[in-house]
Amino acid sequence: MEQLTELTAALGTALQGAAAAVADAVSRLSGEQGAAAAGAAGVAATTVEQRGERPGTYKATHTLQQRMSEYHAFRRTTATGRVHVLLETPAARQRKLSVRADLRFGEFVYLVRKRRLPQLPASRAVWCLVGVEHELPHVAMTMAQVHARHVDFDGWLYVVVREETTFGRPATPGARHG
């Protein structure tokens, strides 16, 4: 069993290294070659609307090359065996996070709520949606599993944080249920 765990860890490291090498190669390409390579990967478009991104998000305000270089710079400053997450929420003080790969997604949501959104009242639910399609992963999945399924071409795992009123409380002060 221990050998299987070591083999799985080695395979995960090798896959991350291969993905980083491909991203480095694409970022080094310039001019038409870089645009063609990014286009082949389905990430190059001239406008935010064509890429299907909401204005004001990290992906909308940064080019692919900027996002990839920031990812690699962030990755060099953090320990190995971690997943690099970019939070998309207006209230978060820090967007870029490095979390343990063995952290469960449910624990990650708890940490986001307690550390990044401490002012949020208990009557508000927090939803962490991942990837381009904003899916809600199972809470028992590890962050490494979530990263493997939803990592973006630039290397980041994008997590969009949404809030919702729960327990029948009014969304605004003074509002009444009808």
N, C-alpha and C. Protein backbone atom coordinates (compact mmCIF):
# COMPACT_ATOMS: atom_id res chain seq x y z
N MET A 1 0.83 -1.19 0.00
CA MET A 1 0.00 0.00 0.00
C MET A 1 0.87 1.25 0.00
N GLU A 2 1.97 1.21 0.76
CA GLU A 2 2.87 2.35 0.83
C GLU A 2 3.51 2.63 -0.52
N GLN A 3 3.86 1.55 -1.24
CA GLN A 3 4.46 1.71 -2.57
C GLN A 3 3.47 2.35 -3.53
N LEU A 4 2.21 1.96 -3.43
CA LEU A 4 1.17 2.54 -4.29
C LEU A 4 1.02 4.03 -4.01
N THR A 5 1.08 4.42 -2.76
CA THR A 5 0.99 5.83 -2.39
C THR A 5 2.18 6.60 -2.96
N GLU A 6 3.37 6.02 -2.83
CA GLU A 6 4.57 6.69 -3.37
C GLU A 6 4.50 6.80 -4.88
N LEU A 7 4.02 5.74 -5.55
CA LEU A 7 3.90 5.76 -7.00
C LEU A 7 2.89 6.81 -7.45
N THR A 8 1.77 6.91 -6.74
CA THR A 8 0.75 7.91 -7.06
C THR A 8 1.31 9.31 -6.89
N ALA A 9 2.04 9.55 -5.83
CA ALA A 9 2.64 10.87 -5.61
C ALA A 9 3.66 11.19 -6.69
N ALA A 10 4.48 10.21 -7.08
CA ALA A 10 5.48 10.43 -8.13
C ALA A 10 4.81 10.73 -9.46
N LEU A 11 3.74 10.01 -9.77
CA LEU A 11 3.01 10.25 -11.01
C LEU A 11 2.39 11.64 -11.02
N GLY A 12 1.80 12.05 -9.91
CA GLY A 12 1.22 13.38 -9.81
C GLY A 12 2.26 14.46 -10.00
N THR A 13 3.44 14.28 -9.40
CA THR A 13 4.54 15.24 -9.56
C THR A 13 5.00 15.30 -11.01
N ALA A 14 5.11 14.14 -11.65
CA ALA A 14 5.54 14.09 -13.05
C ALA A 14 4.53 14.79 -13.96
N LEU A 15 3.24 14.57 -13.71
CA LEU A 15 2.20 15.23 -14.52
C LEU A 15 2.22 16.74 -14.32
N GLN A 16 2.41 17.19 -13.09
CA GLN A 16 2.49 18.63 -12.85
C GLN A 16 3.71 19.22 -13.54
N GLY A 17 4.82 18.49 -13.53
CA GLY A 17 6.03 18.95 -14.20
C GLY A 17 5.82 19.05 -15.70
N ALA A 18 5.14 18.06 -16.28
CA ALA A 18 4.88 18.07 -17.72
C ALA A 18 3.96 19.23 -18.09
N ALA A 19 2.92 19.48 -17.28
CA ALA A 19 2.02 20.59 -17.55
C ALA A 19 2.75 21.92 -17.44
N ALA A 20 3.65 22.04 -16.47
CA ALA A 20 4.43 23.27 -16.32
C ALA A 20 5.37 23.46 -17.50
N ALA A 21 5.96 22.37 -18.01
CA ALA A 21 6.86 22.46 -19.16
C ALA A 21 6.12 22.93 -20.41
N VAL A 22 4.91 22.40 -20.61
CA VAL A 22 4.10 22.84 -21.75
C VAL A 22 3.74 24.31 -21.61
N ALA A 23 3.35 24.71 -20.42
CA ALA A 23 2.98 26.12 -20.19
C ALA A 23 4.19 27.02 -20.40
N ASP A 24 5.37 26.60 -19.94
CA ASP A 24 6.59 27.39 -20.15
C ASP A 24 6.89 27.52 -21.64
N ALA A 25 6.76 26.42 -22.37
CA ALA A 25 7.05 26.45 -23.80
C ALA A 25 6.12 27.39 -24.54
N VAL A 26 4.84 27.36 -24.20
CA VAL A 26 3.87 28.24 -24.85
C VAL A 26 4.16 29.69 -24.49
N SER A 27 4.53 29.96 -23.22
CA SER A 27 4.79 31.34 -22.82
C SER A 27 6.05 31.89 -23.49
N ARG A 28 7.01 31.00 -23.86
CA ARG A 28 8.22 31.46 -24.53
C ARG A 28 8.00 31.77 -26.01
N LEU A 29 6.99 31.17 -26.59
CA LEU A 29 6.71 31.45 -27.99
C LEU A 29 6.27 32.89 -28.13
N SER A 30 6.66 33.52 -29.22
CA SER A 30 6.28 34.92 -29.40
C SER A 30 5.56 35.11 -30.72
N GLY A 31 4.91 36.24 -30.85
CA GLY A 31 4.26 36.63 -32.09
C GLY A 31 3.20 35.64 -32.52
N GLU A 32 3.23 35.29 -33.82
CA GLU A 32 2.22 34.42 -34.39
C GLU A 32 2.27 33.02 -33.80
N GLN A 33 3.47 32.53 -33.50
CA GLN A 33 3.59 31.19 -32.95
C GLN A 33 2.89 31.09 -31.60
N GLY A 34 3.08 32.11 -30.75
CA GLY A 34 2.43 32.10 -29.44
C GLY A 34 0.93 32.19 -29.56
N ALA A 35 0.46 33.05 -30.46
CA ALA A 35 -0.98 33.19 -30.66
C ALA A 35 -1.57 31.91 -31.22
N ALA A 36 -0.84 31.26 -32.17
CA ALA A 36 -1.33 30.02 -32.75
C ALA A 36 -1.37 28.91 -31.70
N ALA A 37 -0.34 28.83 -30.85
CA ALA A 37 -0.31 27.80 -29.82
C ALA A 37 -1.42 28.02 -28.80
N ALA A 38 -1.61 29.27 -28.39
CA ALA A 38 -2.68 29.56 -27.44
C ALA A 38 -4.04 29.31 -28.08
N GLY A 39 -4.17 29.65 -29.37
CA GLY A 39 -5.43 29.41 -30.08
C GLY A 39 -5.73 27.94 -30.18
N ALA A 40 -4.69 27.13 -30.43
CA ALA A 40 -4.88 25.69 -30.51
C ALA A 40 -5.33 25.13 -29.18
N ALA A 41 -4.92 25.77 -28.09
CA ALA A 41 -5.34 25.31 -26.77
C ALA A 41 -6.71 25.86 -26.40
N GLY A 42 -7.28 26.70 -27.24
CA GLY A 42 -8.62 27.22 -26.99
C GLY A 42 -8.64 28.36 -26.00
N VAL A 43 -7.56 29.11 -25.85
CA VAL A 43 -7.55 30.17 -24.85
C VAL A 43 -7.38 31.56 -25.44
N ALA A 44 -7.05 31.66 -26.73
CA ALA A 44 -6.80 32.98 -27.31
C ALA A 44 -8.08 33.52 -27.93
N ALA A 45 -8.44 34.70 -27.56
CA ALA A 45 -9.53 35.44 -28.17
C ALA A 45 -9.22 36.90 -27.97
N THR A 46 -9.76 37.74 -28.80
CA THR A 46 -9.36 39.14 -28.75
C THR A 46 -10.10 39.93 -27.69
N THR A 47 -11.30 39.53 -27.34
CA THR A 47 -12.05 40.29 -26.35
C THR A 47 -12.50 39.40 -25.20
N VAL A 48 -12.86 40.06 -24.12
CA VAL A 48 -13.34 39.35 -22.93
C VAL A 48 -14.62 38.59 -23.27
N GLU A 49 -15.49 39.20 -24.05
CA GLU A 49 -16.77 38.56 -24.41
C GLU A 49 -16.54 37.30 -25.24
N GLN A 50 -15.56 37.36 -26.17
CA GLN A 50 -15.28 36.20 -26.98
C GLN A 50 -14.72 35.05 -26.14
N ARG A 51 -13.97 35.36 -25.12
CA ARG A 51 -13.44 34.32 -24.25
C ARG A 51 -14.49 33.82 -23.26
N GLY A 52 -15.62 34.51 -23.17
CA GLY A 52 -16.69 34.09 -22.28
C GLY A 52 -16.41 34.41 -20.82
N GLU A 53 -15.64 35.46 -20.56
CA GLU A 53 -15.30 35.82 -19.19
C GLU A 53 -16.04 37.08 -18.77
N ARG A 54 -16.34 37.16 -17.50
CA ARG A 54 -17.01 38.34 -16.96
C ARG A 54 -15.99 39.47 -16.83
N PRO A 55 -16.36 40.68 -17.23
CA PRO A 55 -15.44 41.81 -17.05
C PRO A 55 -15.10 42.00 -15.58
N GLY A 56 -13.86 42.38 -15.31
CA GLY A 56 -13.42 42.63 -13.94
C GLY A 56 -12.81 41.43 -13.25
N THR A 57 -12.91 40.24 -13.84
CA THR A 57 -12.30 39.07 -13.23
C THR A 57 -10.81 39.05 -13.55
N TYR A 58 -10.09 38.20 -12.86
CA TYR A 58 -8.64 38.10 -13.05
C TYR A 58 -8.31 37.72 -14.49
N LYS A 59 -9.04 36.77 -15.04
CA LYS A 59 -8.77 36.35 -16.41
C LYS A 59 -9.10 37.44 -17.41
N ALA A 60 -10.07 38.28 -17.11
CA ALA A 60 -10.44 39.34 -18.04
C ALA A 60 -9.46 40.50 -18.00
N THR A 61 -8.81 40.71 -16.88
CA THR A 61 -7.91 41.86 -16.73
C THR A 61 -6.44 41.52 -16.97
N HIS A 62 -6.12 40.25 -17.13
CA HIS A 62 -4.74 39.82 -17.35
C HIS A 62 -4.67 38.95 -18.61
N THR A 63 -3.62 39.14 -19.40
CA THR A 63 -3.44 38.30 -20.58
C THR A 63 -2.99 36.91 -20.15
N LEU A 64 -3.04 35.98 -21.10
CA LEU A 64 -2.60 34.62 -20.80
C LEU A 64 -1.14 34.61 -20.36
N GLN A 65 -0.31 35.36 -21.05
CA GLN A 65 1.11 35.37 -20.70
C GLN A 65 1.33 35.96 -19.30
N GLN A 66 0.59 37.01 -18.93
CA GLN A 66 0.71 37.59 -17.59
C GLN A 66 0.27 36.58 -16.54
N ARG A 67 -0.85 35.90 -16.79
CA ARG A 67 -1.35 34.91 -15.83
C ARG A 67 -0.37 33.76 -15.65
N MET A 68 0.22 33.31 -16.76
CA MET A 68 1.17 32.20 -16.68
C MET A 68 2.45 32.62 -15.96
N SER A 69 2.94 33.82 -16.23
CA SER A 69 4.16 34.26 -15.54
C SER A 69 3.91 34.48 -14.06
N GLU A 70 2.73 35.01 -13.69
CA GLU A 70 2.39 35.17 -12.27
C GLU A 70 2.26 33.81 -11.59
N TYR A 71 1.68 32.84 -12.30
CA TYR A 71 1.55 31.50 -11.74
C TYR A 71 2.93 30.90 -11.46
N HIS A 72 3.83 31.00 -12.42
CA HIS A 72 5.16 30.42 -12.25
C HIS A 72 5.95 31.14 -11.16
N ALA A 73 5.80 32.46 -11.08
CA ALA A 73 6.48 33.20 -10.01
C ALA A 73 5.92 32.79 -8.65
N PHE A 74 4.61 32.64 -8.55
CA PHE A 74 3.97 32.23 -7.29
C PHE A 74 4.39 30.81 -6.94
N ARG A 75 4.44 29.94 -7.94
CA ARG A 75 4.80 28.54 -7.73
C ARG A 75 6.22 28.39 -7.21
N ARG A 76 7.12 29.25 -7.69
CA ARG A 76 8.52 29.19 -7.24
C ARG A 76 8.66 29.59 -5.77
N THR A 77 7.75 30.41 -5.26
CA THR A 77 7.87 30.90 -3.88
C THR A 77 7.16 30.00 -2.88
N THR A 78 6.47 28.96 -3.33
CA THR A 78 5.73 28.10 -2.42
C THR A 78 6.35 26.70 -2.39
N ALA A 79 5.96 25.95 -1.39
CA ALA A 79 6.47 24.59 -1.22
C ALA A 79 5.87 23.66 -2.27
N THR A 80 6.55 22.57 -2.54
CA THR A 80 6.03 21.58 -3.48
C THR A 80 4.90 20.81 -2.83
N GLY A 81 4.10 20.13 -3.64
CA GLY A 81 3.00 19.35 -3.12
C GLY A 81 1.80 20.19 -2.71
N ARG A 82 1.70 21.38 -3.29
CA ARG A 82 0.60 22.26 -2.96
C ARG A 82 -0.17 22.60 -4.22
N VAL A 83 -1.42 22.96 -4.05
CA VAL A 83 -2.28 23.37 -5.16
C VAL A 83 -2.39 24.89 -5.12
N HIS A 84 -2.24 25.51 -6.26
CA HIS A 84 -2.27 26.97 -6.35
C HIS A 84 -3.64 27.41 -6.84
N VAL A 85 -4.31 28.18 -5.98
CA VAL A 85 -5.71 28.56 -6.19
C VAL A 85 -5.80 30.07 -6.35
N LEU A 86 -6.68 30.49 -7.26
CA LEU A 86 -6.95 31.91 -7.41
C LEU A 86 -8.43 32.13 -7.09
N LEU A 87 -8.70 32.84 -5.98
CA LEU A 87 -10.08 33.11 -5.56
C LEU A 87 -10.65 34.28 -6.35
N GLU A 88 -11.86 34.11 -6.82
CA GLU A 88 -12.57 35.18 -7.51
C GLU A 88 -13.72 35.62 -6.62
N THR A 89 -13.43 36.56 -5.72
CA THR A 89 -14.45 37.13 -4.86
C THR A 89 -14.06 38.56 -4.55
N PRO A 90 -15.02 39.48 -4.54
CA PRO A 90 -14.67 40.88 -4.30
C PRO A 90 -14.22 41.15 -2.87
N ALA A 91 -14.60 40.31 -1.93
CA ALA A 91 -14.30 40.58 -0.52
C ALA A 91 -12.95 40.03 -0.07
N ALA A 92 -12.32 39.15 -0.86
CA ALA A 92 -11.08 38.51 -0.42
C ALA A 92 -9.91 39.50 -0.46
N ARG A 93 -9.15 39.52 0.61
CA ARG A 93 -7.97 40.39 0.65
C ARG A 93 -6.85 39.81 -0.20
N GLN A 94 -6.72 38.53 -0.20
CA GLN A 94 -5.66 37.87 -0.94
C GLN A 94 -6.31 36.91 -1.93
N ARG A 95 -6.02 37.08 -3.20
CA ARG A 95 -6.62 36.24 -4.23
C ARG A 95 -5.87 34.94 -4.43
N LYS A 96 -4.55 34.99 -4.33
CA LYS A 96 -3.73 33.82 -4.65
C LYS A 96 -3.43 33.04 -3.38
N LEU A 97 -3.76 31.75 -3.41
CA LEU A 97 -3.55 30.89 -2.26
C LEU A 97 -2.77 29.65 -2.67
N SER A 98 -2.04 29.11 -1.74
CA SER A 98 -1.37 27.84 -1.93
C SER A 98 -1.85 26.94 -0.80
N VAL A 99 -2.56 25.87 -1.16
CA VAL A 99 -3.15 24.98 -0.15
C VAL A 99 -2.57 23.58 -0.30
N ARG A 100 -2.63 22.82 0.78
CA ARG A 100 -2.14 21.45 0.76
C ARG A 100 -2.92 20.63 -0.28
N ALA A 101 -2.23 19.77 -0.98
CA ALA A 101 -2.87 18.95 -2.00
C ALA A 101 -3.82 17.93 -1.39
N ASP A 102 -3.56 17.50 -0.14
CA ASP A 102 -4.41 16.50 0.51
C ASP A 102 -5.57 17.12 1.29
N LEU A 103 -5.71 18.43 1.23
CA LEU A 103 -6.82 19.12 1.90
C LEU A 103 -8.13 18.76 1.19
N ARG A 104 -9.15 18.39 1.94
CA ARG A 104 -10.45 18.07 1.36
C ARG A 104 -11.15 19.36 0.92
N PHE A 105 -11.95 19.27 -0.13
CA PHE A 105 -12.61 20.46 -0.66
C PHE A 105 -13.55 21.08 0.37
N GLY A 106 -14.21 20.26 1.17
CA GLY A 106 -15.08 20.77 2.23
C GLY A 106 -14.30 21.59 3.26
N GLU A 107 -13.08 21.13 3.59
CA GLU A 107 -12.23 21.89 4.51
C GLU A 107 -11.78 23.21 3.87
N PHE A 108 -11.53 23.17 2.57
CA PHE A 108 -11.15 24.39 1.85
C PHE A 108 -12.26 25.42 1.91
N VAL A 109 -13.51 24.99 1.69
CA VAL A 109 -14.64 25.91 1.77
C VAL A 109 -14.74 26.50 3.17
N TYR A 110 -14.54 25.67 4.19
CA TYR A 110 -14.57 26.15 5.57
C TYR A 110 -13.49 27.20 5.80
N LEU A 111 -12.27 26.95 5.30
CA LEU A 111 -11.18 27.91 5.47
C LEU A 111 -11.45 29.22 4.74
N VAL A 112 -12.03 29.13 3.56
CA VAL A 112 -12.37 30.35 2.82
C VAL A 112 -13.38 31.16 3.62
N ARG A 113 -14.37 30.50 4.15
CA ARG A 113 -15.40 31.22 4.92
C ARG A 113 -14.82 31.86 6.17
N LYS A 114 -14.02 31.11 6.92
CA LYS A 114 -13.52 31.61 8.21
C LYS A 114 -12.37 32.60 8.07
N ARG A 115 -11.49 32.40 7.10
CA ARG A 115 -10.30 33.25 7.00
C ARG A 115 -10.41 34.36 5.96
N ARG A 116 -11.13 34.13 4.88
CA ARG A 116 -11.21 35.14 3.82
C ARG A 116 -12.48 35.96 3.90
N LEU A 117 -13.51 35.42 4.54
CA LEU A 117 -14.78 36.14 4.66
C LEU A 117 -15.25 36.14 6.11
N PRO A 118 -14.43 36.62 7.06
CA PRO A 118 -14.80 36.52 8.48
C PRO A 118 -16.00 37.39 8.85
N GLN A 119 -16.27 38.44 8.10
CA GLN A 119 -17.37 39.34 8.42
C GLN A 119 -18.72 38.79 7.97
N LEU A 120 -18.73 37.69 7.26
CA LEU A 120 -19.95 37.12 6.73
C LEU A 120 -20.82 36.56 7.85
N PRO A 121 -22.08 36.98 7.94
CA PRO A 121 -22.95 36.45 9.01
C PRO A 121 -23.27 34.97 8.79
N ALA A 122 -23.64 34.30 9.85
CA ALA A 122 -23.93 32.86 9.79
C ALA A 122 -25.15 32.55 8.92
N SER A 123 -25.99 33.53 8.67
CA SER A 123 -27.18 33.31 7.86
C SER A 123 -26.88 33.27 6.37
N ARG A 124 -25.63 33.48 5.97
CA ARG A 124 -25.24 33.47 4.57
C ARG A 124 -24.46 32.19 4.26
N ALA A 125 -24.86 31.49 3.22
CA ALA A 125 -24.15 30.28 2.78
C ALA A 125 -23.06 30.69 1.79
N VAL A 126 -21.98 29.92 1.77
CA VAL A 126 -20.87 30.17 0.86
C VAL A 126 -20.76 28.99 -0.10
N TRP A 127 -20.69 29.29 -1.38
CA TRP A 127 -20.52 28.28 -2.41
C TRP A 127 -19.20 28.55 -3.12
N CYS A 128 -18.35 27.55 -3.23
CA CYS A 128 -17.08 27.66 -3.96
C CYS A 128 -17.21 26.83 -5.24
N LEU A 129 -17.28 27.53 -6.35
CA LEU A 129 -17.46 26.89 -7.65
C LEU A 129 -16.12 26.92 -8.38
N VAL A 130 -15.75 25.82 -9.01
CA VAL A 130 -14.42 25.73 -9.61
C VAL A 130 -14.49 25.57 -11.12
N GLY A 131 -13.40 25.97 -11.75
CA GLY A 131 -13.22 25.76 -13.18
C GLY A 131 -14.00 26.73 -14.04
N VAL A 132 -13.89 26.52 -15.33
CA VAL A 132 -14.54 27.38 -16.32
C VAL A 132 -16.06 27.22 -16.25
N GLU A 133 -16.52 26.01 -15.98
CA GLU A 133 -17.95 25.76 -15.95
C GLU A 133 -18.58 25.99 -14.58
N HIS A 134 -17.80 26.46 -13.62
CA HIS A 134 -18.27 26.78 -12.27
C HIS A 134 -19.02 25.62 -11.65
N GLU A 135 -18.34 24.50 -11.58
CA GLU A 135 -18.93 23.31 -10.99
C GLU A 135 -18.68 23.27 -9.49
N LEU A 136 -19.53 22.57 -8.78
CA LEU A 136 -19.39 22.39 -7.34
C LEU A 136 -18.87 20.98 -7.09
N PRO A 137 -17.58 20.84 -6.76
CA PRO A 137 -17.03 19.49 -6.52
C PRO A 137 -17.58 18.87 -5.24
N HIS A 138 -17.45 17.56 -5.14
CA HIS A 138 -17.86 16.86 -3.94
C HIS A 138 -16.94 17.28 -2.79
N VAL A 139 -17.49 17.45 -1.60
CA VAL A 139 -16.71 17.94 -0.47
C VAL A 139 -15.63 16.97 -0.01
N ALA A 140 -15.74 15.69 -0.36
CA ALA A 140 -14.75 14.70 0.06
C ALA A 140 -13.55 14.63 -0.89
N MET A 141 -13.62 15.30 -2.04
CA MET A 141 -12.50 15.29 -2.98
C MET A 141 -11.33 16.07 -2.39
N THR A 142 -10.11 15.61 -2.67
CA THR A 142 -8.94 16.38 -2.24
C THR A 142 -8.72 17.52 -3.23
N MET A 143 -7.97 18.51 -2.80
CA MET A 143 -7.68 19.64 -3.68
C MET A 143 -6.86 19.18 -4.88
N ALA A 144 -6.04 18.15 -4.72
CA ALA A 144 -5.28 17.61 -5.85
C ALA A 144 -6.22 17.03 -6.90
N GLN A 145 -7.27 16.34 -6.46
CA GLN A 145 -8.24 15.79 -7.40
C GLN A 145 -9.02 16.91 -8.09
N VAL A 146 -9.41 17.91 -7.34
CA VAL A 146 -10.13 19.05 -7.92
C VAL A 146 -9.22 19.76 -8.93
N HIS A 147 -7.96 19.95 -8.56
CA HIS A 147 -6.99 20.59 -9.45
C HIS A 147 -6.82 19.79 -10.74
N ALA A 148 -6.71 18.49 -10.63
CA ALA A 148 -6.51 17.63 -11.80
C ALA A 148 -7.68 17.74 -12.77
N ARG A 149 -8.89 17.91 -12.26
CA ARG A 149 -10.07 17.98 -13.12
C ARG A 149 -10.36 19.37 -13.66
N HIS A 150 -9.99 20.41 -12.91
CA HIS A 150 -10.45 21.75 -13.25
C HIS A 150 -9.35 22.78 -13.45
N VAL A 151 -8.08 22.37 -13.53
CA VAL A 151 -7.01 23.34 -13.69
C VAL A 151 -7.16 24.06 -15.03
N ASP A 152 -6.87 25.34 -15.03
CA ASP A 152 -6.94 26.14 -16.25
C ASP A 152 -5.63 26.00 -17.03
N PHE A 153 -5.63 26.41 -18.26
CA PHE A 153 -4.46 26.32 -19.12
C PHE A 153 -3.27 27.08 -18.54
N ASP A 154 -3.53 28.16 -17.82
CA ASP A 154 -2.44 28.96 -17.26
C ASP A 154 -1.86 28.38 -15.98
N GLY A 155 -2.44 27.31 -15.44
CA GLY A 155 -1.91 26.65 -14.25
C GLY A 155 -2.71 26.88 -12.99
N TRP A 156 -3.51 27.94 -12.95
CA TRP A 156 -4.29 28.26 -11.75
C TRP A 156 -5.53 27.39 -11.66
N LEU A 157 -5.94 27.13 -10.44
CA LEU A 157 -7.25 26.54 -10.18
C LEU A 157 -8.14 27.71 -9.78
N TYR A 158 -9.07 28.09 -10.64
CA TYR A 158 -9.94 29.23 -10.37
C TYR A 158 -11.12 28.78 -9.52
N VAL A 159 -11.34 29.49 -8.41
CA VAL A 159 -12.45 29.21 -7.51
C VAL A 159 -13.27 30.48 -7.37
N VAL A 160 -14.53 30.41 -7.80
CA VAL A 160 -15.43 31.54 -7.69
C VAL A 160 -16.25 31.36 -6.42
N VAL A 161 -16.23 32.35 -5.55
CA VAL A 161 -16.95 32.27 -4.28
C VAL A 161 -18.25 33.05 -4.41
N ARG A 162 -19.35 32.40 -4.09
CA ARG A 162 -20.67 33.03 -4.13
C ARG A 162 -21.33 32.90 -2.76
N GLU A 163 -22.15 33.88 -2.44
CA GLU A 163 -22.88 33.86 -1.17
C GLU A 163 -24.37 33.74 -1.47
N GLU A 164 -25.10 33.22 -0.50
CA GLU A 164 -26.54 33.09 -0.65
C GLU A 164 -27.19 33.18 0.72
N THR A 165 -28.30 33.88 0.79
CA THR A 165 -29.04 33.97 2.04
C THR A 165 -29.72 32.64 2.32
N THR A 166 -29.62 32.17 3.57
CA THR A 166 -30.24 30.90 3.95
C THR A 166 -31.08 31.09 5.20
N PHE A 167 -31.75 30.06 5.61
CA PHE A 167 -32.53 30.03 6.84
C PHE A 167 -33.67 31.05 6.85
N GLY A 168 -34.14 31.47 5.68
CA GLY A 168 -35.32 32.32 5.60
C GLY A 168 -35.12 33.75 6.03
N ARG A 169 -33.91 34.20 6.20
CA ARG A 169 -33.68 35.59 6.59
C ARG A 169 -33.79 36.51 5.38
N PRO A 170 -34.22 37.74 5.57
CA PRO A 170 -34.29 38.67 4.46
C PRO A 170 -32.89 38.99 3.92
N ALA A 171 -32.80 39.19 2.61
CA ALA A 171 -31.52 39.49 1.98
C ALA A 171 -31.05 40.89 2.33
N THR A 172 -31.97 41.81 2.57
CA THR A 172 -31.61 43.18 2.92
C THR A 172 -32.24 43.53 4.26
N PRO A 173 -31.58 44.40 5.03
CA PRO A 173 -32.15 44.80 6.32
C PRO A 173 -33.50 45.48 6.10
N GLY A 174 -34.45 45.10 6.87
CA GLY A 174 -35.77 45.72 6.81
C GLY A 174 -36.70 45.07 5.80
N ALA A 175 -36.21 44.15 5.00
CA ALA A 175 -37.08 43.47 4.02
C ALA A 175 -37.95 42.47 4.74
N ARG A 176 -39.10 42.20 4.18
CA ARG A 176 -40.04 41.29 4.81
C ARG A 176 -40.34 40.14 3.89
N HIS A 177 -40.57 38.99 4.48
CA HIS A 177 -40.99 37.83 3.69
C HIS A 177 -42.46 37.99 3.37
N GLY A 178 -42.84 37.57 2.18
CA GLY A 178 -44.24 37.75 1.83
C GLY A 178 -44.94 36.58 1.41
